[in-house]
Amino acid sequence: MSKEPDYQALQAELEAITAKLQGGDLGIDEALPAYERGMQLIKELETYLREAQNKITELRAKTE
């Protein structure tokens, strides 16, 4: 059974990709897939945060 990466793992991967892209050492053949992966990670992180916010909203509603 595979476990999905947690927020910190996704964020760390995005930061590593960002550093590589900003470093300017990647050729276009390496930069394009890295950029695509970075965009995918951003979407996953946004979803993660949205789900966490929804959960917090639900929990607050139960305590009010």
C-alpha atoms as a PDB file:
ATOM      1  CA  MET A   1       0.000   0.000   0.000  1.00  0.00           C
ATOM      2  CA  SER A   2       1.523   3.324  -1.058  1.00  0.00           C
ATOM      3  CA  LYS A   3       1.132   6.398   1.092  1.00  0.00           C
ATOM      4  CA  GLU A   4       0.723   9.807  -0.534  1.00  0.00           C
ATOM      5  CA  PRO A   5       3.479  12.275   0.309  1.00  0.00           C
ATOM      6  CA  ASP A   6       2.698  14.762   3.043  1.00  0.00           C
ATOM      7  CA  TYR A   7       2.650  18.523   2.638  1.00  0.00           C
ATOM      8  CA  GLN A   8       6.247  18.965   3.788  1.00  0.00           C
ATOM      9  CA  ALA A   9       7.546  16.372   1.329  1.00  0.00           C
ATOM     10  CA  LEU A  10       5.690  17.996  -1.564  1.00  0.00           C
ATOM     11  CA  GLN A  11       6.908  21.437  -0.547  1.00  0.00           C
ATOM     12  CA  ALA A  12      10.508  20.221  -0.232  1.00  0.00           C
ATOM     13  CA  GLU A  13      10.363  18.720  -3.718  1.00  0.00           C
ATOM     14  CA  LEU A  14       8.972  21.975  -5.115  1.00  0.00           C
ATOM     15  CA  GLU A  15      11.708  23.974  -3.393  1.00  0.00           C
ATOM     16  CA  ALA A  16      14.381  21.678  -4.846  1.00  0.00           C
ATOM     17  CA  ILE A  17      12.955  22.068  -8.349  1.00  0.00           C
ATOM     18  CA  THR A  18      12.729  25.835  -7.917  1.00  0.00           C
ATOM     19  CA  ALA A  19      16.368  26.003  -6.836  1.00  0.00           C
ATOM     20  CA  LYS A  20      17.457  23.970  -9.872  1.00  0.00           C
ATOM     21  CA  LEU A  21      15.467  26.160 -12.244  1.00  0.00           C
ATOM     22  CA  GLN A  22      16.746  29.374 -10.666  1.00  0.00           C
ATOM     23  CA  GLY A  23      20.301  28.063 -10.772  1.00  0.00           C
ATOM     24  CA  GLY A  24      20.280  28.265 -14.544  1.00  0.00           C
ATOM     25  CA  ASP A  25      22.325  25.106 -14.932  1.00  0.00           C
ATOM     26  CA  LEU A  26      19.564  23.045 -16.557  1.00  0.00           C
ATOM     27  CA  GLY A  27      19.288  22.729 -20.292  1.00  0.00           C
ATOM     28  CA  ILE A  28      15.895  23.092 -21.934  1.00  0.00           C
ATOM     29  CA  ASP A  29      15.490  19.303 -22.088  1.00  0.00           C
ATOM     30  CA  GLU A  30      15.813  19.129 -18.296  1.00  0.00           C
ATOM     31  CA  ALA A  31      14.133  22.439 -17.438  1.00  0.00           C
ATOM     32  CA  LEU A  32      10.832  21.790 -19.196  1.00  0.00           C
ATOM     33  CA  PRO A  33       9.977  18.540 -17.345  1.00  0.00           C
ATOM     34  CA  ALA A  34      11.169  20.125 -14.083  1.00  0.00           C
ATOM     35  CA  TYR A  35       8.880  23.095 -14.682  1.00  0.00           C
ATOM     36  CA  GLU A  36       5.970  20.776 -15.488  1.00  0.00           C
ATOM     37  CA  ARG A  37       6.573  18.801 -12.287  1.00  0.00           C
ATOM     38  CA  GLY A  38       6.758  22.044 -10.339  1.00  0.00           C
ATOM     39  CA  MET A  39       3.386  23.143 -11.691  1.00  0.00           C
ATOM     40  CA  GLN A  40       1.909  19.746 -10.789  1.00  0.00           C
ATOM     41  CA  LEU A  41       3.284  20.091  -7.253  1.00  0.00           C
ATOM     42  CA  ILE A  42       1.751  23.555  -6.908  1.00  0.00           C
ATOM     43  CA  LYS A  43      -1.658  22.144  -7.816  1.00  0.00           C
ATOM     44  CA  GLU A  44      -1.236  19.283  -5.327  1.00  0.00           C
ATOM     45  CA  LEU A  45      -0.194  21.694  -2.573  1.00  0.00           C
ATOM     46  CA  GLU A  46      -3.137  23.983  -3.293  1.00  0.00           C
ATOM     47  CA  THR A  47      -5.500  21.005  -3.106  1.00  0.00           C
ATOM     48  CA  TYR A  48      -3.899  19.869   0.142  1.00  0.00           C
ATOM     49  CA  LEU A  49      -4.363  23.327   1.675  1.00  0.00           C
ATOM     50  CA  ARG A  50      -7.939  23.648   0.419  1.00  0.00           C
ATOM     51  CA  GLU A  51      -8.833  20.264   1.940  1.00  0.00           C
ATOM     52  CA  ALA A  52      -7.198  21.248   5.227  1.00  0.00           C
ATOM     53  CA  GLN A  53      -9.153  24.509   5.272  1.00  0.00           C
ATOM     54  CA  ASN A  54     -12.397  22.639   4.599  1.00  0.00           C
ATOM     55  CA  LYS A  55     -11.630  20.244   7.451  1.00  0.00           C
ATOM     56  CA  ILE A  56     -10.948  23.145   9.817  1.00  0.00           C
ATOM     57  CA  THR A  57     -14.212  24.788   8.771  1.00  0.00           C
ATOM     58  CA  GLU A  58     -16.087  21.543   9.451  1.00  0.00           C
ATOM     59  CA  LEU A  59     -14.468  21.124  12.868  1.00  0.00           C
ATOM     60  CA  ARG A  60     -15.252  24.697  13.849  1.00  0.00           C
ATOM     61  CA  ALA A  61     -18.869  24.270  12.782  1.00  0.00           C
ATOM     62  CA  LYS A  62     -19.174  21.214  15.049  1.00  0.00           C
ATOM     63  CA  THR A  63     -17.893  23.114  18.087  1.00  0.00           C
ATOM     64  CA  GLU A  64     -20.122  26.155  17.663  1.00  0.00           C
END
